[in-house]
Amino acid sequence: MKAGASHRARAGRSRPVAVALAVAAASTLTLVSCSSDSNGGGSSTPSTERPTPPDTASFSGTAPSAMSSAEASARARASSAAASASAAASSFEASVSAETERANQAAQNELKNVKAPGNAMSEVALTGKPRAQTGGLLAVVVTITNKTGKKASYAAQVDFLDSSGKTVETRYVGAENLAPGDKANPIAISRKPPQPVLTPKLVKAQRY
């Protein structure tokens, strides 16, 4: 009886050890299985491949250099400035009213048969107008003052001369029915390019 009891006691003590070994073995198998599944799925592993650079052999032409880009930018700015100046000049000319143009035409007709210098040179004066105000055009203000004691009309001829003194362009301005002591300020505008520089000169002034 003692021998049987001793055997049962040893068997009872060995069961917990066997259970513990079985649990440990199962855990090991589970870890191996998870590790194997994780490594086997390629889709779950982040890609570390670098992008392939483009094949430049298939490109045509050459990339623009910094110098060519600067030149293109400078040309664009120059073109824009020229267009802006042209618009400013056109705007300035358009500011001359139709009535003024009619008076200027009358002045031209009046001076056809008048010999220089006319009878009113002392009543007419020229004043240069800044090009910044005329869109770059050469323009002069012709100040006409009626110094007589009655109403009068005036016609003036302005020539634009080159450096040699040759007349390159002629413009006519006028004022009609000025009361005694009144002034008129028509503008004579040259339509020639800025270069060469021209000089305005009062050639005729007639009171009628």
N, C-alpha and C. Protein backbone atom coordinates (compact mmCIF):
# COMPACT_ATOMS: atom_id res chain seq x y z
N MET A 1 0.85 -1.20 0.00
CA MET A 1 0.00 0.00 0.00
C MET A 1 0.86 1.23 0.00
N LYS A 2 1.95 1.19 0.74
CA LYS A 2 2.84 2.33 0.78
C LYS A 2 3.48 2.60 -0.56
N ALA A 3 3.83 1.50 -1.26
CA ALA A 3 4.46 1.67 -2.58
C ALA A 3 3.49 2.28 -3.54
N GLY A 4 2.23 1.89 -3.56
CA GLY A 4 1.23 2.45 -4.49
C GLY A 4 0.97 3.90 -4.20
N ALA A 5 0.92 4.24 -2.90
CA ALA A 5 0.67 5.64 -2.55
C ALA A 5 1.80 6.52 -2.98
N SER A 6 3.01 6.05 -2.87
CA SER A 6 4.19 6.83 -3.29
C SER A 6 4.18 7.06 -4.77
N HIS A 7 3.75 6.06 -5.55
CA HIS A 7 3.71 6.20 -7.02
C HIS A 7 2.68 7.22 -7.44
N ARG A 8 1.52 7.20 -6.72
CA ARG A 8 0.47 8.16 -7.07
C ARG A 8 0.92 9.57 -6.73
N ALA A 9 1.67 9.70 -5.62
CA ALA A 9 2.14 11.02 -5.23
C ALA A 9 3.07 11.59 -6.26
N ARG A 10 3.99 10.73 -6.81
CA ARG A 10 4.94 11.23 -7.84
C ARG A 10 4.20 11.60 -9.12
N ALA A 11 3.17 10.76 -9.46
CA ALA A 11 2.40 11.05 -10.67
C ALA A 11 1.66 12.36 -10.52
N GLY A 12 1.12 12.63 -9.32
CA GLY A 12 0.39 13.90 -9.11
C GLY A 12 1.30 15.09 -9.24
N ARG A 13 2.56 14.95 -8.74
CA ARG A 13 3.47 16.09 -8.82
C ARG A 13 3.93 16.34 -10.25
N SER A 14 3.97 15.28 -11.13
CA SER A 14 4.48 15.44 -12.49
C SER A 14 3.46 16.08 -13.43
N ARG A 15 2.16 16.09 -13.11
CA ARG A 15 1.14 16.64 -14.03
C ARG A 15 1.33 18.16 -14.25
N PRO A 16 1.49 18.95 -13.20
CA PRO A 16 1.67 20.39 -13.44
C PRO A 16 2.87 20.69 -14.32
N VAL A 17 3.94 19.90 -14.13
CA VAL A 17 5.15 20.13 -14.96
C VAL A 17 4.84 19.83 -16.40
N ALA A 18 4.11 18.77 -16.69
CA ALA A 18 3.78 18.41 -18.07
C ALA A 18 2.88 19.46 -18.69
N VAL A 19 1.93 19.97 -17.93
CA VAL A 19 1.02 21.00 -18.46
C VAL A 19 1.80 22.25 -18.81
N ALA A 20 2.73 22.62 -17.94
CA ALA A 20 3.53 23.82 -18.18
C ALA A 20 4.37 23.68 -19.42
N LEU A 21 4.94 22.47 -19.63
CA LEU A 21 5.75 22.23 -20.83
C LEU A 21 4.91 22.30 -22.08
N ALA A 22 3.67 21.78 -22.00
CA ALA A 22 2.77 21.79 -23.16
C ALA A 22 2.39 23.21 -23.53
N VAL A 23 2.09 24.04 -22.53
CA VAL A 23 1.74 25.45 -22.80
C VAL A 23 2.90 26.18 -23.43
N ALA A 24 4.10 25.96 -22.94
CA ALA A 24 5.30 26.62 -23.49
C ALA A 24 5.52 26.22 -24.92
N ALA A 25 5.32 24.91 -25.22
CA ALA A 25 5.52 24.43 -26.59
C ALA A 25 4.50 25.06 -27.52
N ALA A 26 3.26 25.18 -27.08
CA ALA A 26 2.21 25.77 -27.90
C ALA A 26 2.52 27.24 -28.19
N SER A 27 3.02 27.95 -27.19
CA SER A 27 3.37 29.36 -27.39
C SER A 27 4.48 29.51 -28.39
N THR A 28 5.45 28.59 -28.33
CA THR A 28 6.57 28.65 -29.28
C THR A 28 6.09 28.43 -30.68
N LEU A 29 5.18 27.45 -30.89
CA LEU A 29 4.65 27.18 -32.23
C LEU A 29 3.87 28.40 -32.75
N THR A 30 3.11 29.06 -31.85
CA THR A 30 2.32 30.22 -32.28
C THR A 30 3.22 31.35 -32.74
N LEU A 31 4.31 31.60 -31.99
CA LEU A 31 5.24 32.66 -32.37
C LEU A 31 5.90 32.38 -33.69
N VAL A 32 6.30 31.13 -33.90
CA VAL A 32 6.94 30.75 -35.16
C VAL A 32 5.98 30.94 -36.30
N SER A 33 4.71 30.57 -36.09
CA SER A 33 3.71 30.68 -37.14
C SER A 33 3.48 32.14 -37.49
N CYS A 34 3.36 33.03 -36.48
CA CYS A 34 3.12 34.45 -36.74
C CYS A 34 4.29 35.07 -37.46
N SER A 35 5.49 34.68 -37.03
CA SER A 35 6.68 35.22 -37.69
C SER A 35 6.75 34.81 -39.12
N SER A 36 6.38 33.58 -39.40
CA SER A 36 6.42 33.07 -40.77
C SER A 36 5.40 33.76 -41.63
N ASP A 37 4.16 34.00 -41.08
CA ASP A 37 3.12 34.67 -41.85
C ASP A 37 3.52 36.11 -42.14
N SER A 38 4.12 36.76 -41.14
CA SER A 38 4.49 38.16 -41.32
C SER A 38 5.53 38.32 -42.40
N ASN A 39 6.51 37.43 -42.42
CA ASN A 39 7.58 37.54 -43.42
C ASN A 39 7.12 37.10 -44.78
N GLY A 40 6.15 36.21 -44.86
CA GLY A 40 5.74 35.65 -46.14
C GLY A 40 4.91 36.62 -46.94
N GLY A 41 4.14 37.54 -46.31
CA GLY A 41 3.26 38.48 -47.04
C GLY A 41 4.05 39.66 -47.55
N GLY A 42 4.38 39.70 -48.85
CA GLY A 42 5.20 40.78 -49.40
C GLY A 42 4.48 42.11 -49.37
N SER A 43 3.13 42.09 -49.40
CA SER A 43 2.38 43.35 -49.48
C SER A 43 2.47 44.15 -48.21
N SER A 44 2.77 43.49 -47.07
CA SER A 44 2.80 44.22 -45.81
C SER A 44 4.16 44.83 -45.54
N THR A 45 5.16 44.51 -46.33
CA THR A 45 6.52 45.03 -46.10
C THR A 45 6.70 46.32 -46.88
N PRO A 46 7.05 47.46 -46.23
CA PRO A 46 7.23 48.74 -46.94
C PRO A 46 8.29 48.61 -48.01
N SER A 47 8.03 49.25 -49.17
CA SER A 47 8.98 49.21 -50.28
C SER A 47 10.09 50.22 -50.05
N THR A 48 11.31 49.82 -50.25
CA THR A 48 12.45 50.73 -50.08
C THR A 48 13.12 51.01 -51.41
N GLU A 49 12.45 50.67 -52.55
CA GLU A 49 13.06 50.90 -53.85
C GLU A 49 13.04 52.38 -54.20
N ARG A 50 14.10 52.91 -54.85
CA ARG A 50 14.18 54.31 -55.27
C ARG A 50 13.59 54.46 -56.67
N PRO A 51 12.94 55.66 -56.97
CA PRO A 51 12.38 55.86 -58.32
C PRO A 51 13.47 55.91 -59.37
N THR A 52 13.14 55.39 -60.53
CA THR A 52 14.11 55.36 -61.63
C THR A 52 14.18 56.72 -62.31
N PRO A 53 15.37 57.30 -62.45
CA PRO A 53 15.47 58.62 -63.11
C PRO A 53 15.04 58.53 -64.56
N PRO A 54 14.51 59.68 -65.14
CA PRO A 54 14.07 59.66 -66.54
C PRO A 54 15.23 59.45 -67.50
N ASP A 55 14.90 58.87 -68.63
CA ASP A 55 15.90 58.63 -69.66
C ASP A 55 16.07 59.90 -70.48
N THR A 56 17.14 60.67 -70.19
CA THR A 56 17.34 61.96 -70.87
C THR A 56 17.74 61.78 -72.31
N ALA A 57 18.08 60.57 -72.72
CA ALA A 57 18.47 60.36 -74.11
C ALA A 57 17.30 60.57 -75.06
N SER A 58 16.06 60.47 -74.53
CA SER A 58 14.89 60.63 -75.40
C SER A 58 14.45 62.08 -75.51
N PHE A 59 15.10 63.00 -74.72
CA PHE A 59 14.74 64.40 -74.78
C PHE A 59 15.32 65.05 -76.03
N SER A 60 14.60 66.11 -76.56
CA SER A 60 15.11 66.85 -77.70
C SER A 60 15.32 68.29 -77.31
N GLY A 61 16.26 68.99 -77.93
CA GLY A 61 16.53 70.38 -77.62
C GLY A 61 17.40 70.50 -76.40
N THR A 62 17.62 71.75 -75.96
CA THR A 62 18.44 72.02 -74.80
C THR A 62 17.66 72.83 -73.79
N ALA A 63 17.95 72.64 -72.54
CA ALA A 63 17.27 73.39 -71.49
C ALA A 63 17.71 74.84 -71.53
N PRO A 64 16.79 75.80 -71.28
CA PRO A 64 17.17 77.20 -71.33
C PRO A 64 18.17 77.54 -70.24
N SER A 65 19.21 78.29 -70.61
CA SER A 65 20.22 78.70 -69.64
C SER A 65 19.71 79.91 -68.88
N ALA A 66 20.40 80.23 -67.78
CA ALA A 66 20.01 81.40 -66.98
C ALA A 66 20.17 82.68 -67.80
N MET A 67 21.19 82.72 -68.65
CA MET A 67 21.42 83.91 -69.47
C MET A 67 20.30 84.12 -70.47
N SER A 68 19.89 83.03 -71.16
CA SER A 68 18.83 83.18 -72.16
C SER A 68 17.52 83.56 -71.49
N SER A 69 17.27 83.07 -70.29
CA SER A 69 16.05 83.44 -69.57
C SER A 69 16.08 84.91 -69.21
N ALA A 70 17.25 85.41 -68.80
CA ALA A 70 17.37 86.82 -68.47
C ALA A 70 17.17 87.70 -69.68
N GLU A 71 17.72 87.25 -70.83
CA GLU A 71 17.56 88.03 -72.06
C GLU A 71 16.09 88.08 -72.48
N ALA A 72 15.41 86.93 -72.37
CA ALA A 72 13.99 86.89 -72.73
C ALA A 72 13.19 87.81 -71.82
N SER A 73 13.53 87.82 -70.54
CA SER A 73 12.83 88.68 -69.59
C SER A 73 13.08 90.15 -69.90
N ALA A 74 14.33 90.48 -70.28
CA ALA A 74 14.66 91.87 -70.62
C ALA A 74 13.92 92.31 -71.87
N ARG A 75 13.84 91.40 -72.88
CA ARG A 75 13.11 91.74 -74.10
C ARG A 75 11.63 91.96 -73.82
N ALA A 76 11.08 91.13 -72.93
CA ALA A 76 9.67 91.28 -72.58
C ALA A 76 9.42 92.61 -71.89
N ARG A 77 10.35 92.99 -70.98
CA ARG A 77 10.18 94.27 -70.28
C ARG A 77 10.30 95.44 -71.25
N ALA A 78 11.27 95.34 -72.20
CA ALA A 78 11.45 96.42 -73.18
C ALA A 78 10.22 96.55 -74.07
N SER A 79 9.67 95.41 -74.48
CA SER A 79 8.48 95.43 -75.32
C SER A 79 7.30 96.04 -74.58
N SER A 80 7.16 95.67 -73.31
CA SER A 80 6.08 96.22 -72.50
C SER A 80 6.23 97.72 -72.31
N ALA A 81 7.50 98.16 -72.08
CA ALA A 81 7.75 99.59 -71.90
C ALA A 81 7.44 100.37 -73.17
N ALA A 82 7.83 99.79 -74.33
CA ALA A 82 7.56 100.45 -75.61
C ALA A 82 6.06 100.57 -75.85
N ALA A 83 5.34 99.50 -75.55
CA ALA A 83 3.89 99.53 -75.73
C ALA A 83 3.25 100.55 -74.81
N SER A 84 3.76 100.63 -73.57
CA SER A 84 3.23 101.58 -72.61
C SER A 84 3.49 103.02 -73.06
N ALA A 85 4.72 103.28 -73.59
CA ALA A 85 5.07 104.62 -74.06
C ALA A 85 4.21 105.01 -75.25
N SER A 86 3.98 104.05 -76.15
CA SER A 86 3.14 104.32 -77.32
C SER A 86 1.72 104.66 -76.90
N ALA A 87 1.21 103.92 -75.92
CA ALA A 87 -0.14 104.18 -75.43
C ALA A 87 -0.22 105.55 -74.77
N ALA A 88 0.84 105.92 -74.02
CA ALA A 88 0.85 107.22 -73.36
C ALA A 88 0.89 108.35 -74.38
N ALA A 89 1.69 108.18 -75.46
CA ALA A 89 1.76 109.19 -76.51
C ALA A 89 0.42 109.35 -77.21
N SER A 90 -0.22 108.22 -77.51
CA SER A 90 -1.52 108.26 -78.17
C SER A 90 -2.55 108.95 -77.28
N SER A 91 -2.49 108.67 -75.98
CA SER A 91 -3.42 109.27 -75.04
C SER A 91 -3.22 110.78 -74.97
N PHE A 92 -1.95 111.20 -75.01
CA PHE A 92 -1.67 112.64 -74.95
C PHE A 92 -2.19 113.34 -76.20
N GLU A 93 -1.95 112.75 -77.37
CA GLU A 93 -2.44 113.35 -78.61
C GLU A 93 -3.97 113.39 -78.64
N ALA A 94 -4.59 112.35 -78.10
CA ALA A 94 -6.05 112.30 -78.10
C ALA A 94 -6.65 113.36 -77.19
N SER A 95 -5.84 113.86 -76.24
CA SER A 95 -6.35 114.87 -75.32
C SER A 95 -6.56 116.22 -76.02
N VAL A 96 -5.93 116.38 -77.20
CA VAL A 96 -6.14 117.61 -77.97
C VAL A 96 -7.54 117.52 -78.59
N SER A 97 -8.39 118.46 -78.24
CA SER A 97 -9.78 118.40 -78.66
C SER A 97 -9.97 118.65 -80.14
N ALA A 98 -11.12 118.22 -80.65
CA ALA A 98 -11.45 118.44 -82.06
C ALA A 98 -11.54 119.93 -82.36
N GLU A 99 -12.00 120.72 -81.38
CA GLU A 99 -12.10 122.18 -81.57
C GLU A 99 -10.72 122.79 -81.75
N THR A 100 -9.74 122.29 -80.98
CA THR A 100 -8.37 122.78 -81.11
C THR A 100 -7.81 122.44 -82.49
N GLU A 101 -8.08 121.23 -82.95
CA GLU A 101 -7.62 120.84 -84.28
C GLU A 101 -8.24 121.72 -85.35
N ARG A 102 -9.50 122.08 -85.18
CA ARG A 102 -10.14 122.95 -86.16
C ARG A 102 -9.47 124.32 -86.18
N ALA A 103 -9.14 124.85 -84.99
CA ALA A 103 -8.45 126.14 -84.90
C ALA A 103 -7.07 126.06 -85.53
N ASN A 104 -6.39 124.94 -85.34
CA ASN A 104 -5.07 124.77 -85.92
C ASN A 104 -5.15 124.75 -87.45
N GLN A 105 -6.19 124.11 -87.98
CA GLN A 105 -6.37 124.08 -89.43
C GLN A 105 -6.65 125.48 -89.97
N ALA A 106 -7.45 126.24 -89.23
CA ALA A 106 -7.73 127.62 -89.62
C ALA A 106 -6.45 128.46 -89.60
N ALA A 107 -5.58 128.20 -88.63
CA ALA A 107 -4.31 128.92 -88.54
C ALA A 107 -3.43 128.61 -89.75
N GLN A 108 -3.40 127.36 -90.15
CA GLN A 108 -2.60 126.99 -91.31
C GLN A 108 -3.11 127.71 -92.57
N ASN A 109 -4.41 127.73 -92.73
CA ASN A 109 -4.99 128.42 -93.88
C ASN A 109 -4.68 129.91 -93.86
N GLU A 110 -4.72 130.52 -92.66
CA GLU A 110 -4.47 131.95 -92.52
C GLU A 110 -3.03 132.32 -92.86
N LEU A 111 -2.11 131.42 -92.56
CA LEU A 111 -0.69 131.73 -92.74
C LEU A 111 -0.17 131.43 -94.15
N LYS A 112 -1.00 130.89 -95.00
CA LYS A 112 -0.54 130.54 -96.34
C LYS A 112 0.04 131.74 -97.09
N ASN A 113 -0.58 132.89 -96.93
CA ASN A 113 -0.16 134.07 -97.67
C ASN A 113 0.55 135.10 -96.80
N VAL A 114 0.98 134.67 -95.63
CA VAL A 114 1.67 135.59 -94.72
C VAL A 114 3.17 135.35 -94.78
N LYS A 115 3.91 136.41 -94.95
CA LYS A 115 5.35 136.30 -94.95
C LYS A 115 5.88 136.35 -93.52
N ALA A 116 6.91 135.58 -93.25
CA ALA A 116 7.51 135.60 -91.92
C ALA A 116 8.09 137.00 -91.65
N PRO A 117 8.03 137.45 -90.42
CA PRO A 117 7.55 136.71 -89.25
C PRO A 117 6.09 136.97 -88.89
N GLY A 118 5.37 137.80 -89.60
CA GLY A 118 3.99 138.14 -89.26
C GLY A 118 3.91 139.33 -88.32
N ASN A 119 2.71 139.72 -87.94
CA ASN A 119 2.52 140.95 -87.15
C ASN A 119 2.30 140.72 -85.66
N ALA A 120 2.48 139.48 -85.20
CA ALA A 120 2.17 139.21 -83.77
C ALA A 120 3.25 138.40 -83.06
N MET A 121 4.48 138.51 -83.49
CA MET A 121 5.55 137.74 -82.84
C MET A 121 5.70 138.11 -81.37
N SER A 122 5.45 139.35 -81.02
CA SER A 122 5.60 139.79 -79.63
C SER A 122 4.47 139.28 -78.73
N GLU A 123 3.44 138.73 -79.34
CA GLU A 123 2.30 138.26 -78.56
C GLU A 123 2.26 136.73 -78.43
N VAL A 124 3.29 136.08 -78.95
CA VAL A 124 3.34 134.61 -78.93
C VAL A 124 4.69 134.15 -78.36
N ALA A 125 4.66 133.15 -77.49
CA ALA A 125 5.88 132.61 -76.89
C ALA A 125 5.78 131.08 -76.80
N LEU A 126 6.96 130.44 -76.82
CA LEU A 126 7.03 128.97 -76.74
C LEU A 126 7.59 128.55 -75.39
N THR A 127 7.02 127.48 -74.84
CA THR A 127 7.51 126.88 -73.59
C THR A 127 7.55 125.37 -73.76
N GLY A 128 8.71 124.78 -73.51
CA GLY A 128 8.84 123.33 -73.65
C GLY A 128 7.99 122.59 -72.63
N LYS A 129 7.47 121.42 -73.03
CA LYS A 129 6.66 120.60 -72.13
C LYS A 129 7.45 119.33 -71.83
N PRO A 130 7.59 118.94 -70.55
CA PRO A 130 8.37 117.74 -70.19
C PRO A 130 7.86 116.49 -70.91
N ARG A 131 8.77 115.70 -71.43
CA ARG A 131 8.38 114.48 -72.15
C ARG A 131 7.67 113.49 -71.23
N ALA A 132 7.94 113.59 -69.93
CA ALA A 132 7.27 112.69 -68.98
C ALA A 132 5.76 112.93 -68.97
N GLN A 133 5.35 114.12 -69.42
CA GLN A 133 3.92 114.45 -69.44
C GLN A 133 3.30 114.24 -70.82
N THR A 134 4.12 113.90 -71.80
CA THR A 134 3.60 113.78 -73.18
C THR A 134 3.76 112.39 -73.76
N GLY A 135 4.10 111.41 -72.92
CA GLY A 135 4.31 110.06 -73.43
C GLY A 135 5.57 109.96 -74.27
N GLY A 136 6.54 110.86 -74.03
CA GLY A 136 7.80 110.83 -74.76
C GLY A 136 7.81 111.69 -76.00
N LEU A 137 6.69 112.31 -76.36
CA LEU A 137 6.63 113.15 -77.56
C LEU A 137 7.27 114.51 -77.29
N LEU A 138 7.82 115.12 -78.35
CA LEU A 138 8.32 116.48 -78.26
C LEU A 138 7.13 117.42 -78.47
N ALA A 139 6.84 118.21 -77.47
CA ALA A 139 5.69 119.11 -77.54
C ALA A 139 6.04 120.44 -76.88
N VAL A 140 5.49 121.52 -77.43
CA VAL A 140 5.71 122.85 -76.85
C VAL A 140 4.37 123.54 -76.66
N VAL A 141 4.28 124.27 -75.56
CA VAL A 141 3.09 125.07 -75.30
C VAL A 141 3.29 126.43 -75.99
N VAL A 142 2.33 126.79 -76.83
CA VAL A 142 2.38 128.08 -77.53
C VAL A 142 1.44 129.04 -76.79
N THR A 143 2.04 129.96 -76.07
CA THR A 143 1.24 130.91 -75.28
C THR A 143 0.94 132.15 -76.14
N ILE A 144 -0.33 132.35 -76.38
CA ILE A 144 -0.78 133.49 -77.20
C ILE A 144 -1.52 134.47 -76.28
N THR A 145 -1.07 135.73 -76.28
CA THR A 145 -1.69 136.76 -75.43
C THR A 145 -2.18 137.91 -76.30
N ASN A 146 -3.43 138.22 -76.17
CA ASN A 146 -4.00 139.34 -76.93
C ASN A 146 -3.63 140.64 -76.20
N LYS A 147 -2.68 141.36 -76.78
CA LYS A 147 -2.21 142.59 -76.15
C LYS A 147 -2.87 143.83 -76.76
N THR A 148 -3.87 143.61 -77.57
CA THR A 148 -4.58 144.74 -78.17
C THR A 148 -5.80 145.12 -77.34
N GLY A 149 -6.53 146.11 -77.80
CA GLY A 149 -7.70 146.56 -77.07
C GLY A 149 -9.00 146.01 -77.62
N LYS A 150 -8.94 145.03 -78.50
CA LYS A 150 -10.16 144.45 -79.05
C LYS A 150 -9.96 142.96 -79.33
N LYS A 151 -11.06 142.27 -79.59
CA LYS A 151 -10.97 140.84 -79.86
C LYS A 151 -10.11 140.59 -81.10
N ALA A 152 -9.40 139.46 -81.07
CA ALA A 152 -8.55 139.13 -82.21
C ALA A 152 -8.34 137.61 -82.24
N SER A 153 -8.05 137.14 -83.44
CA SER A 153 -7.69 135.73 -83.63
C SER A 153 -6.22 135.66 -84.01
N TYR A 154 -5.59 134.52 -83.71
CA TYR A 154 -4.15 134.40 -83.93
C TYR A 154 -3.83 133.08 -84.63
N ALA A 155 -2.78 133.13 -85.43
CA ALA A 155 -2.25 131.94 -86.09
C ALA A 155 -0.74 131.92 -85.90
N ALA A 156 -0.19 130.74 -85.57
CA ALA A 156 1.26 130.63 -85.35
C ALA A 156 1.81 129.39 -86.04
N GLN A 157 3.02 129.52 -86.55
CA GLN A 157 3.71 128.39 -87.20
C GLN A 157 4.94 128.05 -86.39
N VAL A 158 5.05 126.77 -86.03
CA VAL A 158 6.21 126.27 -85.27
C VAL A 158 6.93 125.24 -86.12
N ASP A 159 8.21 125.51 -86.38
CA ASP A 159 9.03 124.55 -87.11
C ASP A 159 9.90 123.77 -86.13
N PHE A 160 10.14 122.48 -86.43
CA PHE A 160 11.04 121.65 -85.63
C PHE A 160 12.30 121.43 -86.46
N LEU A 161 13.43 121.89 -85.93
CA LEU A 161 14.70 121.89 -86.66
C LEU A 161 15.64 120.81 -86.13
N ASP A 162 16.45 120.25 -87.05
CA ASP A 162 17.48 119.30 -86.62
C ASP A 162 18.73 120.07 -86.21
N SER A 163 19.80 119.34 -85.89
CA SER A 163 21.02 119.98 -85.38
C SER A 163 21.69 120.90 -86.39
N SER A 164 21.40 120.70 -87.68
CA SER A 164 21.98 121.55 -88.72
C SER A 164 21.13 122.78 -89.02
N GLY A 165 19.97 122.87 -88.36
CA GLY A 165 19.09 124.01 -88.59
C GLY A 165 18.07 123.77 -89.68
N LYS A 166 18.02 122.57 -90.20
CA LYS A 166 17.07 122.25 -91.27
C LYS A 166 15.70 121.93 -90.68
N THR A 167 14.66 122.45 -91.34
CA THR A 167 13.29 122.18 -90.88
C THR A 167 12.90 120.74 -91.21
N VAL A 168 12.58 119.98 -90.18
CA VAL A 168 12.19 118.59 -90.35
C VAL A 168 10.67 118.44 -90.34
N GLU A 169 10.00 119.31 -89.60
CA GLU A 169 8.55 119.21 -89.46
C GLU A 169 7.98 120.59 -89.15
N THR A 170 6.77 120.84 -89.60
CA THR A 170 6.10 122.12 -89.35
C THR A 170 4.71 121.85 -88.77
N ARG A 171 4.38 122.58 -87.69
CA ARG A 171 3.07 122.45 -87.07
C ARG A 171 2.44 123.84 -86.95
N TYR A 172 1.10 123.87 -87.01
CA TYR A 172 0.36 125.13 -86.93
C TYR A 172 -0.60 125.07 -85.74
N VAL A 173 -0.68 126.19 -85.02
CA VAL A 173 -1.64 126.30 -83.92
C VAL A 173 -2.33 127.65 -84.01
N GLY A 174 -3.48 127.75 -83.40
CA GLY A 174 -4.21 129.02 -83.45
C GLY A 174 -5.14 129.21 -82.28
N ALA A 175 -5.64 130.41 -82.16
CA ALA A 175 -6.63 130.76 -81.14
C ALA A 175 -7.57 131.77 -81.77
N GLU A 176 -8.86 131.63 -81.53
CA GLU A 176 -9.86 132.50 -82.18
C GLU A 176 -10.63 133.31 -81.16
N ASN A 177 -10.88 134.56 -81.56
CA ASN A 177 -11.74 135.46 -80.78
C ASN A 177 -11.28 135.64 -79.33
N LEU A 178 -9.99 135.92 -79.17
CA LEU A 178 -9.47 136.20 -77.83
C LEU A 178 -9.85 137.63 -77.43
N ALA A 179 -10.40 137.77 -76.25
CA ALA A 179 -10.73 139.10 -75.73
C ALA A 179 -9.44 139.82 -75.34
N PRO A 180 -9.46 141.14 -75.26
CA PRO A 180 -8.26 141.88 -74.87
C PRO A 180 -7.70 141.38 -73.53
N GLY A 181 -6.42 141.08 -73.51
CA GLY A 181 -5.76 140.61 -72.29
C GLY A 181 -5.87 139.11 -72.06
N ASP A 182 -6.71 138.42 -72.80
CA ASP A 182 -6.86 136.96 -72.61
C ASP A 182 -5.70 136.20 -73.24
N LYS A 183 -5.56 134.95 -72.74
CA LYS A 183 -4.49 134.09 -73.24
C LYS A 183 -5.06 132.75 -73.72
N ALA A 184 -4.34 132.14 -74.65
CA ALA A 184 -4.64 130.78 -75.10
C ALA A 184 -3.33 130.00 -75.09
N ASN A 185 -3.44 128.69 -74.84
CA ASN A 185 -2.23 127.87 -74.72
C ASN A 185 -2.32 126.60 -75.56
N PRO A 186 -2.43 126.72 -76.88
CA PRO A 186 -2.44 125.52 -77.72
C PRO A 186 -1.06 124.83 -77.67
N ILE A 187 -1.06 123.56 -78.04
CA ILE A 187 0.19 122.78 -77.99
C ILE A 187 0.58 122.32 -79.39
N ALA A 188 1.83 122.55 -79.74
CA ALA A 188 2.38 122.07 -81.00
C ALA A 188 3.13 120.78 -80.72
N ILE A 189 2.72 119.69 -81.37
CA ILE A 189 3.28 118.36 -81.09
C ILE A 189 4.02 117.83 -82.32
N SER A 190 5.27 117.43 -82.11
CA SER A 190 6.03 116.79 -83.18
C SER A 190 5.72 115.31 -83.20
N ARG A 191 5.54 114.76 -84.38
CA ARG A 191 5.27 113.32 -84.50
C ARG A 191 6.50 112.55 -84.96
N LYS A 192 7.65 113.20 -84.94
CA LYS A 192 8.89 112.55 -85.32
C LYS A 192 9.43 111.71 -84.15
N PRO A 193 10.30 110.72 -84.44
CA PRO A 193 10.90 109.91 -83.37
C PRO A 193 11.73 110.77 -82.42
N PRO A 194 11.97 110.28 -81.20
CA PRO A 194 12.74 111.05 -80.22
C PRO A 194 14.17 111.37 -80.67
N GLN A 195 14.71 110.52 -81.52
CA GLN A 195 16.06 110.73 -82.04
C GLN A 195 16.02 110.86 -83.56
N PRO A 196 16.76 111.81 -84.15
CA PRO A 196 17.58 112.82 -83.47
C PRO A 196 16.73 113.88 -82.79
N VAL A 197 17.32 114.52 -81.81
CA VAL A 197 16.61 115.55 -81.04
C VAL A 197 16.35 116.77 -81.92
N LEU A 198 15.12 117.26 -81.91
CA LEU A 198 14.74 118.42 -82.70
C LEU A 198 14.53 119.64 -81.79
N THR A 199 14.67 120.81 -82.38
CA THR A 199 14.49 122.06 -81.63
C THR A 199 13.30 122.84 -82.21
N PRO A 200 12.31 123.18 -81.38
CA PRO A 200 11.17 123.96 -81.88
C PRO A 200 11.53 125.44 -82.05
N LYS A 201 10.94 126.05 -83.07
CA LYS A 201 11.20 127.47 -83.33
C LYS A 201 9.92 128.14 -83.84
N LEU A 202 9.59 129.29 -83.27
CA LEU A 202 8.45 130.07 -83.74
C LEU A 202 8.88 130.82 -85.02
N VAL A 203 8.21 130.49 -86.11
CA VAL A 203 8.59 131.08 -87.41
C VAL A 203 7.66 132.22 -87.80
N LYS A 204 6.36 132.02 -87.58
CA LYS A 204 5.37 133.06 -87.94
C LYS A 204 4.34 133.18 -86.82
N ALA A 205 3.85 134.41 -86.65
CA ALA A 205 2.74 134.65 -85.73
C ALA A 205 1.92 135.80 -86.31
N GLN A 206 0.67 135.52 -86.60
CA GLN A 206 -0.17 136.52 -87.26
C GLN A 206 -1.45 136.76 -86.46
N ARG A 207 -1.76 138.03 -86.30
CA ARG A 207 -3.02 138.41 -85.67
C ARG A 207 -3.97 138.85 -86.78
N TYR A 208 -5.23 138.39 -86.71
CA TYR A 208 -6.18 138.77 -87.76
C TYR A 208 -7.59 138.95 -87.19
